[in-house]
Structure formats: C-alpha cells, structure tokens
Amino acid sequence: MKISRFKKSHKTLVYFASNFEYREPYQVLIDATFCQAALQHQIGIEEQIRKYFQCPAKLLTTQCVILEAESLGAPLTGATSIVKKFHVHKCGHEGKPVPAAECIKSMTKDNRYIVASQDRLLQESLRKVPGRCLLYLHKATPVLEAPSKASRKWVQKRAKNLMLGKQVEKIDFMKEQQGLKNTEVTKKVNPKKSKGPKNPNPLSCKKSKKDRTQQTKPQIHKVDQTGITKAKRKRKKIPAHVKAALSKV
C-alpha cells in the first residue's frame, strides 16, 4: 500500500478514535453489496482490510444482512457465501428480520462500527449522523471515507464548549488567587449608602462683579439751596456734529 494512502487512513482512524471513541480492534460491519463488489474485482476482503488498516480489525455481519442476500437469489449467490464467513453479530432483530440498511442503522446508534457498504442510499443517510465511519471499495482498493460534514460540525461545537468551560474555570481560579471573588460578594451583600443633601457651591454664593463695583464706586451728591442733598446728575458729552446742527437752528 502507498504511504500517502496509509497516512490518510491513519489520520481518519485517529480522528474518529479521539473524537468518537473508536477503539482497536476496529469492528467492521459488512453488508452483501460490499462482498459483491469484492467478488467482481476478485479481492480477499479480510486480507485487504487488515493490510489497509495496518492494525487489528474484526469483520462482522448480521443475520438481517444474510437473510436479505439469500432472498435476492442467484445474482448475489457468491456474495451470500462470502458474507456468511464473517462473525454474525446479534442485532436484536432475531425472529423479526428487517432490511439490511435499517439493521445497520440501528446497529450504529449506540456502538462504534466502521460500516463497509457500497449502498449509496445507506451511505448518504449515515453521513448525516455525526460519528459514522464509512468504508467502501474504489475498484479493487478499500477507501476509508474522510469525516462527514455533520461529524466535523459536531467536533467543532464540542471544542468551542470545552474551550469556554476551561476559560471560565481559569478566570475563577485567578480571581480566587487574587482575592477578587470575596470582594465581589461583599459588594453585593453590603447595601449602598444613601447620599445626604450636599452643601451649596461656595462659588455660587459669591456676589457678582457688577454688585461689587456699584458698592465700591463713590456716589457724588449735590447740596441744594434748601439744604437737601441731591445726587449729581451725570452729564453726557454731546457730539460735535450734534452741536453744529443745534447752532444752525
């Protein structure tokens, strides 16, 4: 196997192992369509998968898959004989078989299986669910599909939530170290002091400059013949052009 192909498969397996708890030996759930494609390209499924993963893998199938392959008759005779060689896992549909696609969907709800199938409709439905790992044959080569869009979104959302939680814990820890948390509590407990009436502004109490000038300016008084003092009337200076006009009259 090429090194680049091994790197891609290893990267995908590590992604599902770290985010969705896939563990070795990896359990590969195989249906009849995968066996039919392997038969057409004349490859050994067990040998190719072990070589592709480069790690322990357990090949499984279900009773529903075998019964559906048998019911289809002659076109899948070879695929039926191949799928019967794998370990038959209990699916919970014993006595009441369901279609192979429905059986595989129910099997992958609570368990971590790598689904090996060429069924396009089954692949599309599993891609919509986070954490589903798909394996298919491209001609004679097994290909482990990269994480779907739903899986990547789920991982990103989970990572954001974890980061926010860690940041909050760090902030609380730093507050406790600096003694900020206790002060915040006391501030909330202690009621606010009511503010009393304020004293008037001393600048507003000062007298205006006009009042002070009027008080300081001495007033000139005139003594009348009767002895009553009268204030001297301030004479206004008549302009020259006005005087000239008055003299002409």
C-alpha atoms as a PDB file:
ATOM      1  CA  MET A   1       0.000   0.000   0.000  1.00  0.00           C
ATOM      2  CA  LYS A   2       1.232   3.503  -0.806  1.00  0.00           C
ATOM      3  CA  ILE A   3       2.495   5.654   2.078  1.00  0.00           C
ATOM      4  CA  SER A   4       0.146   8.550   1.210  1.00  0.00           C
ATOM      5  CA  ARG A   5      -2.870   6.202   1.309  1.00  0.00           C
ATOM      6  CA  PHE A   6      -1.780   4.789   4.673  1.00  0.00           C
ATOM      7  CA  LYS A   7      -1.345   8.326   6.083  1.00  0.00           C
ATOM      8  CA  LYS A   8      -4.875   9.283   5.038  1.00  0.00           C
ATOM      9  CA  SER A   9      -6.439   6.161   6.530  1.00  0.00           C
ATOM     10  CA  HIS A  10      -4.407   6.511   9.737  1.00  0.00           C
ATOM     11  CA  LYS A  11      -5.385  10.190  10.074  1.00  0.00           C
ATOM     12  CA  THR A  12      -9.087   9.313   9.663  1.00  0.00           C
ATOM     13  CA  LEU A  13      -8.885   6.489  12.212  1.00  0.00           C
ATOM     14  CA  VAL A  14      -7.146   8.772  14.738  1.00  0.00           C
ATOM     15  CA  TYR A  15      -9.829  11.437  14.200  1.00  0.00           C
ATOM     16  CA  PHE A  16     -12.662   9.001  14.947  1.00  0.00           C
ATOM     17  CA  ALA A  17     -10.740   7.437  17.821  1.00  0.00           C
ATOM     18  CA  SER A  18     -10.068  10.769  19.552  1.00  0.00           C
ATOM     19  CA  ASN A  19     -13.496  12.338  18.967  1.00  0.00           C
ATOM     20  CA  PHE A  20     -15.950   9.403  18.844  1.00  0.00           C
ATOM     21  CA  GLU A  21     -14.248   6.742  20.991  1.00  0.00           C
ATOM     22  CA  TYR A  22     -13.423   4.210  18.270  1.00  0.00           C
ATOM     23  CA  ARG A  23     -11.011   1.619  19.677  1.00  0.00           C
ATOM     24  CA  GLU A  24      -8.830  -1.244  18.464  1.00  0.00           C
ATOM     25  CA  PRO A  25      -9.598  -3.844  17.330  1.00  0.00           C
ATOM     26  CA  TYR A  26     -11.804  -1.843  14.949  1.00  0.00           C
ATOM     27  CA  GLN A  27     -15.137  -3.552  14.231  1.00  0.00           C
ATOM     28  CA  VAL A  28     -16.067  -3.511  10.540  1.00  0.00           C
ATOM     29  CA  LEU A  29     -19.745  -4.175   9.786  1.00  0.00           C
ATOM     30  CA  ILE A  30     -20.004  -5.625   6.253  1.00  0.00           C
ATOM     31  CA  ASP A  31     -23.078  -5.983   4.034  1.00  0.00           C
ATOM     32  CA  ALA A  32     -23.716  -8.005   0.870  1.00  0.00           C
ATOM     33  CA  THR A  33     -23.125  -5.083  -1.528  1.00  0.00           C
ATOM     34  CA  PHE A  34     -19.518  -4.762  -0.295  1.00  0.00           C
ATOM     35  CA  CYS A  35     -18.989  -8.520  -0.751  1.00  0.00           C
ATOM     36  CA  GLN A  36     -20.455  -8.343  -4.283  1.00  0.00           C
ATOM     37  CA  ALA A  37     -18.003  -5.547  -5.265  1.00  0.00           C
ATOM     38  CA  ALA A  38     -15.081  -7.519  -3.782  1.00  0.00           C
ATOM     39  CA  LEU A  39     -16.134 -10.601  -5.758  1.00  0.00           C
ATOM     40  CA  GLN A  40     -16.295  -8.631  -9.015  1.00  0.00           C
ATOM     41  CA  HIS A  41     -12.745  -7.291  -8.525  1.00  0.00           C
ATOM     42  CA  GLN A  42     -11.503 -10.652  -7.216  1.00  0.00           C
ATOM     43  CA  ILE A  43     -10.030  -9.455  -3.922  1.00  0.00           C
ATOM     44  CA  GLY A  44      -9.972 -11.029  -0.476  1.00  0.00           C
ATOM     45  CA  ILE A  45     -11.874  -8.757   1.926  1.00  0.00           C
ATOM     46  CA  GLU A  46     -10.215  -9.826   5.151  1.00  0.00           C
ATOM     47  CA  GLU A  47      -6.696  -9.654   3.705  1.00  0.00           C
ATOM     48  CA  GLN A  48      -7.229  -6.238   2.066  1.00  0.00           C
ATOM     49  CA  ILE A  49      -8.847  -4.619   5.129  1.00  0.00           C
ATOM     50  CA  ARG A  50      -6.144  -5.803   7.527  1.00  0.00           C
ATOM     51  CA  LYS A  51      -3.482  -4.625   5.107  1.00  0.00           C
ATOM     52  CA  TYR A  52      -5.240  -1.261   4.692  1.00  0.00           C
ATOM     53  CA  PHE A  53      -5.720  -0.541   8.402  1.00  0.00           C
ATOM     54  CA  GLN A  54      -2.297  -1.865   9.476  1.00  0.00           C
ATOM     55  CA  CYS A  55      -3.896  -2.696  12.830  1.00  0.00           C
ATOM     56  CA  PRO A  56      -6.258  -5.327  14.288  1.00  0.00           C
ATOM     57  CA  ALA A  57      -9.764  -5.361  12.771  1.00  0.00           C
ATOM     58  CA  LYS A  58     -12.760  -7.615  13.435  1.00  0.00           C
ATOM     59  CA  LEU A  59     -15.094  -8.327  10.487  1.00  0.00           C
ATOM     60  CA  LEU A  60     -18.785  -8.670  11.369  1.00  0.00           C
ATOM     61  CA  THR A  61     -22.191  -9.018   9.758  1.00  0.00           C
ATOM     62  CA  THR A  62     -25.770  -9.534  10.937  1.00  0.00           C
ATOM     63  CA  GLN A  63     -28.499 -12.094  10.397  1.00  0.00           C
ATOM     64  CA  CYS A  64     -30.625  -9.481   8.608  1.00  0.00           C
ATOM     65  CA  VAL A  65     -27.847  -8.907   6.045  1.00  0.00           C
ATOM     66  CA  ILE A  66     -27.532 -12.650   5.348  1.00  0.00           C
ATOM     67  CA  LEU A  67     -31.297 -13.176   5.038  1.00  0.00           C
ATOM     68  CA  GLU A  68     -31.674 -10.240   2.626  1.00  0.00           C
ATOM     69  CA  ALA A  69     -28.820 -11.563   0.455  1.00  0.00           C
ATOM     70  CA  GLU A  70     -30.393 -15.026   0.374  1.00  0.00           C
ATOM     71  CA  SER A  71     -33.783 -13.596  -0.551  1.00  0.00           C
ATOM     72  CA  LEU A  72     -32.320 -11.844  -3.623  1.00  0.00           C
ATOM     73  CA  GLY A  73     -31.352 -15.249  -5.044  1.00  0.00           C
ATOM     74  CA  ALA A  74     -28.960 -16.019  -7.901  1.00  0.00           C
ATOM     75  CA  PRO A  75     -27.449 -12.532  -8.529  1.00  0.00           C
ATOM     76  CA  LEU A  76     -25.984 -12.488  -5.018  1.00  0.00           C
ATOM     77  CA  THR A  77     -25.137 -16.169  -4.568  1.00  0.00           C
ATOM     78  CA  GLY A  78     -21.381 -15.523  -4.452  1.00  0.00           C
ATOM     79  CA  ALA A  79     -21.778 -12.504  -2.156  1.00  0.00           C
ATOM     80  CA  THR A  80     -24.003 -14.540   0.175  1.00  0.00           C
ATOM     81  CA  SER A  81     -21.402 -17.282   0.515  1.00  0.00           C
ATOM     82  CA  ILE A  82     -18.721 -14.650   1.326  1.00  0.00           C
ATOM     83  CA  VAL A  83     -20.798 -12.731   3.891  1.00  0.00           C
ATOM     84  CA  LYS A  84     -21.634 -15.949   5.739  1.00  0.00           C
ATOM     85  CA  LYS A  85     -17.923 -16.425   6.527  1.00  0.00           C
ATOM     86  CA  PHE A  86     -17.853 -13.419   8.875  1.00  0.00           C
ATOM     87  CA  HIS A  87     -18.839 -13.439  12.525  1.00  0.00           C
ATOM     88  CA  VAL A  88     -22.628 -12.946  12.869  1.00  0.00           C
ATOM     89  CA  HIS A  89     -23.299 -10.255  15.458  1.00  0.00           C
ATOM     90  CA  LYS A  90     -26.563 -10.096  17.387  1.00  0.00           C
ATOM     91  CA  CYS A  91     -28.635  -7.212  16.058  1.00  0.00           C
ATOM     92  CA  GLY A  92     -31.825  -7.587  18.143  1.00  0.00           C
ATOM     93  CA  HIS A  93     -33.979  -8.466  15.115  1.00  0.00           C
ATOM     94  CA  GLU A  94     -33.870 -12.238  15.610  1.00  0.00           C
ATOM     95  CA  GLY A  95     -37.211 -13.717  14.548  1.00  0.00           C
ATOM     96  CA  LYS A  96     -38.302 -10.372  13.025  1.00  0.00           C
ATOM     97  CA  PRO A  97     -35.735  -9.549  10.318  1.00  0.00           C
ATOM     98  CA  VAL A  98     -35.610  -6.043   8.832  1.00  0.00           C
ATOM     99  CA  PRO A  99     -33.908  -4.739   5.652  1.00  0.00           C
ATOM    100  CA  ALA A 100     -30.108  -4.747   5.837  1.00  0.00           C
ATOM    101  CA  ALA A 101     -29.852  -0.922   5.685  1.00  0.00           C
ATOM    102  CA  GLU A 102     -32.276  -0.490   8.602  1.00  0.00           C
ATOM    103  CA  CYS A 103     -30.433  -3.138  10.591  1.00  0.00           C
ATOM    104  CA  ILE A 104     -27.063  -1.419  10.074  1.00  0.00           C
ATOM    105  CA  LYS A 105     -28.526   1.985  11.043  1.00  0.00           C
ATOM    106  CA  SER A 106     -29.874   0.567  14.293  1.00  0.00           C
ATOM    107  CA  MET A 107     -26.547  -1.175  14.995  1.00  0.00           C
ATOM    108  CA  THR A 108     -24.564   2.066  14.657  1.00  0.00           C
ATOM    109  CA  LYS A 109     -26.740   4.083  17.065  1.00  0.00           C
ATOM    110  CA  ASP A 110     -25.024   3.067  20.305  1.00  0.00           C
ATOM    111  CA  ASN A 111     -21.909   1.235  19.058  1.00  0.00           C
ATOM    112  CA  ARG A 112     -18.807   2.189  17.112  1.00  0.00           C
ATOM    113  CA  TYR A 113     -18.777   0.224  13.850  1.00  0.00           C
ATOM    114  CA  ILE A 114     -16.969   1.018  10.615  1.00  0.00           C
ATOM    115  CA  VAL A 115     -19.682   0.367   8.021  1.00  0.00           C
ATOM    116  CA  ALA A 116     -18.394  -1.357   4.849  1.00  0.00           C
ATOM    117  CA  SER A 117     -21.034  -0.923   2.149  1.00  0.00           C
ATOM    118  CA  GLN A 118     -21.489   0.064  -1.499  1.00  0.00           C
ATOM    119  CA  ASP A 119     -25.137   1.068  -0.921  1.00  0.00           C
ATOM    120  CA  ARG A 120     -25.312   4.769  -1.897  1.00  0.00           C
ATOM    121  CA  LEU A 121     -28.582   5.435  -0.054  1.00  0.00           C
ATOM    122  CA  LEU A 122     -27.215   3.902   3.151  1.00  0.00           C
ATOM    123  CA  GLN A 123     -24.016   5.933   2.834  1.00  0.00           C
ATOM    124  CA  GLU A 124     -25.938   9.198   2.376  1.00  0.00           C
ATOM    125  CA  SER A 125     -28.130   8.584   5.424  1.00  0.00           C
ATOM    126  CA  LEU A 126     -25.124   7.687   7.621  1.00  0.00           C
ATOM    127  CA  ARG A 127     -23.199  10.808   6.541  1.00  0.00           C
ATOM    128  CA  LYS A 128     -25.921  12.969   8.092  1.00  0.00           C
ATOM    129  CA  VAL A 129     -25.273  11.463  11.543  1.00  0.00           C
ATOM    130  CA  PRO A 130     -22.148  12.609  13.469  1.00  0.00           C
ATOM    131  CA  GLY A 131     -19.620   9.893  14.250  1.00  0.00           C
ATOM    132  CA  ARG A 132     -20.386   7.439  11.435  1.00  0.00           C
ATOM    133  CA  CYS A 133     -17.298   5.967   9.758  1.00  0.00           C
ATOM    134  CA  LEU A 134     -17.674   4.566   6.217  1.00  0.00           C
ATOM    135  CA  LEU A 135     -15.555   2.137   4.206  1.00  0.00           C
ATOM    136  CA  TYR A 136     -16.102   1.387   0.518  1.00  0.00           C
ATOM    137  CA  LEU A 137     -14.263  -0.142  -2.441  1.00  0.00           C
ATOM    138  CA  HIS A 138     -12.885   2.062  -5.198  1.00  0.00           C
ATOM    139  CA  LYS A 139     -12.351  -0.575  -7.892  1.00  0.00           C
ATOM    140  CA  ALA A 140     -10.099  -3.056  -6.038  1.00  0.00           C
ATOM    141  CA  THR A 141      -8.910  -0.639  -3.320  1.00  0.00           C
ATOM    142  CA  PRO A 142     -10.526  -0.131   0.099  1.00  0.00           C
ATOM    143  CA  VAL A 143     -11.083   3.543   0.938  1.00  0.00           C
ATOM    144  CA  LEU A 144     -11.883   4.887   4.396  1.00  0.00           C
ATOM    145  CA  GLU A 145     -14.039   7.965   3.863  1.00  0.00           C
ATOM    146  CA  ALA A 146     -12.990  11.252   5.478  1.00  0.00           C
ATOM    147  CA  PRO A 147     -15.183  12.587   8.319  1.00  0.00           C
ATOM    148  CA  SER A 148     -18.509  13.908   7.057  1.00  0.00           C
ATOM    149  CA  LYS A 149     -19.703  17.500   7.385  1.00  0.00           C
ATOM    150  CA  ALA A 150     -22.010  16.530  10.260  1.00  0.00           C
ATOM    151  CA  SER A 151     -19.107  14.927  12.163  1.00  0.00           C
ATOM    152  CA  ARG A 152     -16.843  17.961  11.688  1.00  0.00           C
ATOM    153  CA  LYS A 153     -19.569  20.367  12.858  1.00  0.00           C
ATOM    154  CA  TRP A 154     -20.206  18.284  15.968  1.00  0.00           C
ATOM    155  CA  VAL A 155     -16.493  18.196  16.834  1.00  0.00           C
ATOM    156  CA  GLN A 156     -16.121  21.983  16.326  1.00  0.00           C
ATOM    157  CA  LYS A 157     -19.124  22.736  18.534  1.00  0.00           C
ATOM    158  CA  ARG A 158     -17.810  20.415  21.237  1.00  0.00           C
ATOM    159  CA  ALA A 159     -14.358  22.010  21.082  1.00  0.00           C
ATOM    160  CA  LYS A 160     -15.861  25.526  21.492  1.00  0.00           C
ATOM    161  CA  ASN A 161     -17.876  24.439  24.533  1.00  0.00           C
ATOM    162  CA  LEU A 162     -14.796  22.856  26.105  1.00  0.00           C
ATOM    163  CA  MET A 163     -12.722  25.983  25.467  1.00  0.00           C
ATOM    164  CA  LEU A 164     -15.356  28.251  27.023  1.00  0.00           C
ATOM    165  CA  GLY A 165     -15.606  25.983  30.063  1.00  0.00           C
ATOM    166  CA  LYS A 166     -11.840  25.973  30.539  1.00  0.00           C
ATOM    167  CA  GLN A 167     -11.633  29.762  30.206  1.00  0.00           C
ATOM    168  CA  VAL A 168     -14.331  30.263  32.849  1.00  0.00           C
ATOM    169  CA  GLU A 169     -12.531  27.881  35.221  1.00  0.00           C
ATOM    170  CA  LYS A 170      -9.229  29.722  34.700  1.00  0.00           C
ATOM    171  CA  ILE A 171     -10.829  33.113  35.348  1.00  0.00           C
ATOM    172  CA  ASP A 172     -12.476  31.861  38.556  1.00  0.00           C
ATOM    173  CA  PHE A 173      -9.190  30.324  39.719  1.00  0.00           C
ATOM    174  CA  MET A 174      -7.278  33.571  39.073  1.00  0.00           C
ATOM    175  CA  LYS A 175      -9.946  35.571  40.939  1.00  0.00           C
ATOM    176  CA  GLU A 176      -9.652  33.285  43.940  1.00  0.00           C
ATOM    177  CA  GLN A 177      -5.856  33.634  43.935  1.00  0.00           C
ATOM    178  CA  GLN A 178      -6.049  37.436  43.874  1.00  0.00           C
ATOM    179  CA  GLY A 179      -8.903  37.610  46.375  1.00  0.00           C
ATOM    180  CA  LEU A 180     -11.268  39.273  43.918  1.00  0.00           C
ATOM    181  CA  LYS A 181     -14.088  36.825  44.339  1.00  0.00           C
ATOM    182  CA  ASN A 182     -14.646  37.619  48.055  1.00  0.00           C
ATOM    183  CA  THR A 183     -14.717  41.369  47.458  1.00  0.00           C
ATOM    184  CA  GLU A 184     -17.329  40.936  44.782  1.00  0.00           C
ATOM    185  CA  VAL A 185     -19.522  39.003  47.213  1.00  0.00           C
ATOM    186  CA  THR A 186     -19.180  41.652  49.935  1.00  0.00           C
ATOM    187  CA  LYS A 187     -20.043  44.384  47.446  1.00  0.00           C
ATOM    188  CA  LYS A 188     -23.243  42.611  46.591  1.00  0.00           C
ATOM    189  CA  VAL A 189     -24.156  41.979  50.246  1.00  0.00           C
ATOM    190  CA  ASN A 190     -23.424  45.488  51.590  1.00  0.00           C
ATOM    191  CA  PRO A 191     -26.227  47.923  50.714  1.00  0.00           C
ATOM    192  CA  LYS A 192     -25.417  51.219  49.063  1.00  0.00           C
ATOM    193  CA  LYS A 193     -25.065  54.198  51.418  1.00  0.00           C
ATOM    194  CA  SER A 194     -27.755  56.824  50.959  1.00  0.00           C
ATOM    195  CA  LYS A 195     -26.320  60.184  49.991  1.00  0.00           C
ATOM    196  CA  GLY A 196     -27.476  63.188  52.113  1.00  0.00           C
ATOM    197  CA  PRO A 197     -28.049  66.762  50.944  1.00  0.00           C
ATOM    198  CA  LYS A 198     -24.951  68.495  49.679  1.00  0.00           C
ATOM    199  CA  ASN A 199     -23.721  71.948  50.790  1.00  0.00           C
ATOM    200  CA  PRO A 200     -24.169  74.781  48.274  1.00  0.00           C
ATOM    201  CA  ASN A 201     -21.338  75.544  45.954  1.00  0.00           C
ATOM    202  CA  PRO A 202     -19.224  78.365  47.520  1.00  0.00           C
ATOM    203  CA  LEU A 203     -18.637  79.898  44.101  1.00  0.00           C
ATOM    204  CA  SER A 204     -22.377  80.299  43.551  1.00  0.00           C
ATOM    205  CA  CYS A 205     -22.643  82.221  46.871  1.00  0.00           C
ATOM    206  CA  LYS A 206     -20.206  84.929  45.769  1.00  0.00           C
ATOM    207  CA  LYS A 207     -21.618  88.272  44.689  1.00  0.00           C
ATOM    208  CA  SER A 208     -21.278  89.232  41.086  1.00  0.00           C
ATOM    209  CA  LYS A 209     -18.633  91.702  39.977  1.00  0.00           C
ATOM    210  CA  LYS A 210     -21.303  94.256  38.969  1.00  0.00           C
ATOM    211  CA  ASP A 211     -22.703  94.412  42.506  1.00  0.00           C
ATOM    212  CA  ARG A 212     -19.217  94.842  43.981  1.00  0.00           C
ATOM    213  CA  THR A 213     -18.304  97.693  41.598  1.00  0.00           C
ATOM    214  CA  GLN A 214     -21.522  99.518  42.394  1.00  0.00           C
ATOM    215  CA  GLN A 215     -20.818  99.257  46.133  1.00  0.00           C
ATOM    216  CA  THR A 216     -17.198 100.413  45.922  1.00  0.00           C
ATOM    217  CA  LYS A 217     -17.835 103.298  43.481  1.00  0.00           C
ATOM    218  CA  PRO A 218     -18.335 106.550  45.465  1.00  0.00           C
ATOM    219  CA  GLN A 219     -21.537 108.483  44.763  1.00  0.00           C
ATOM    220  CA  ILE A 220     -21.292 112.245  44.214  1.00  0.00           C
ATOM    221  CA  HIS A 221     -24.043 114.265  45.935  1.00  0.00           C
ATOM    222  CA  LYS A 222     -25.053 117.899  45.274  1.00  0.00           C
ATOM    223  CA  VAL A 223     -26.308 120.234  48.053  1.00  0.00           C
ATOM    224  CA  ASP A 224     -29.419 122.212  47.139  1.00  0.00           C
ATOM    225  CA  GLN A 225     -30.225 125.714  48.465  1.00  0.00           C
ATOM    226  CA  THR A 226     -32.802 124.126  50.714  1.00  0.00           C
ATOM    227  CA  GLY A 227     -30.085 122.037  52.225  1.00  0.00           C
ATOM    228  CA  ILE A 228     -31.264 118.767  50.712  1.00  0.00           C
ATOM    229  CA  THR A 229     -28.526 116.816  49.135  1.00  0.00           C
ATOM    230  CA  LYS A 230     -29.195 115.588  45.635  1.00  0.00           C
ATOM    231  CA  ALA A 231     -27.261 113.171  43.638  1.00  0.00           C
ATOM    232  CA  LYS A 232     -25.237 114.820  40.912  1.00  0.00           C
ATOM    233  CA  ARG A 233     -26.564 114.080  37.503  1.00  0.00           C
ATOM    234  CA  LYS A 234     -24.024 112.655  35.192  1.00  0.00           C
ATOM    235  CA  ARG A 235     -23.703 114.781  32.074  1.00  0.00           C
ATOM    236  CA  LYS A 236     -23.448 113.146  28.740  1.00  0.00           C
ATOM    237  CA  LYS A 237     -20.995 114.555  26.248  1.00  0.00           C
ATOM    238  CA  ILE A 238     -22.782 115.843  23.117  1.00  0.00           C
ATOM    239  CA  PRO A 239     -21.003 115.021  19.903  1.00  0.00           C
ATOM    240  CA  ALA A 240     -19.660 117.916  17.769  1.00  0.00           C
ATOM    241  CA  HIS A 241     -21.864 117.238  14.757  1.00  0.00           C
ATOM    242  CA  VAL A 242     -24.947 117.417  17.004  1.00  0.00           C
ATOM    243  CA  LYS A 243     -23.788 120.770  18.457  1.00  0.00           C
ATOM    244  CA  ALA A 244     -23.295 122.154  14.955  1.00  0.00           C
ATOM    245  CA  ALA A 245     -26.793 121.111  13.929  1.00  0.00           C
ATOM    246  CA  LEU A 246     -28.309 122.742  17.011  1.00  0.00           C
ATOM    247  CA  SER A 247     -26.441 126.048  16.443  1.00  0.00           C
ATOM    248  CA  LYS A 248     -27.824 126.352  12.932  1.00  0.00           C
ATOM    249  CA  VAL A 249     -31.305 126.118  14.337  1.00  0.00           C
END
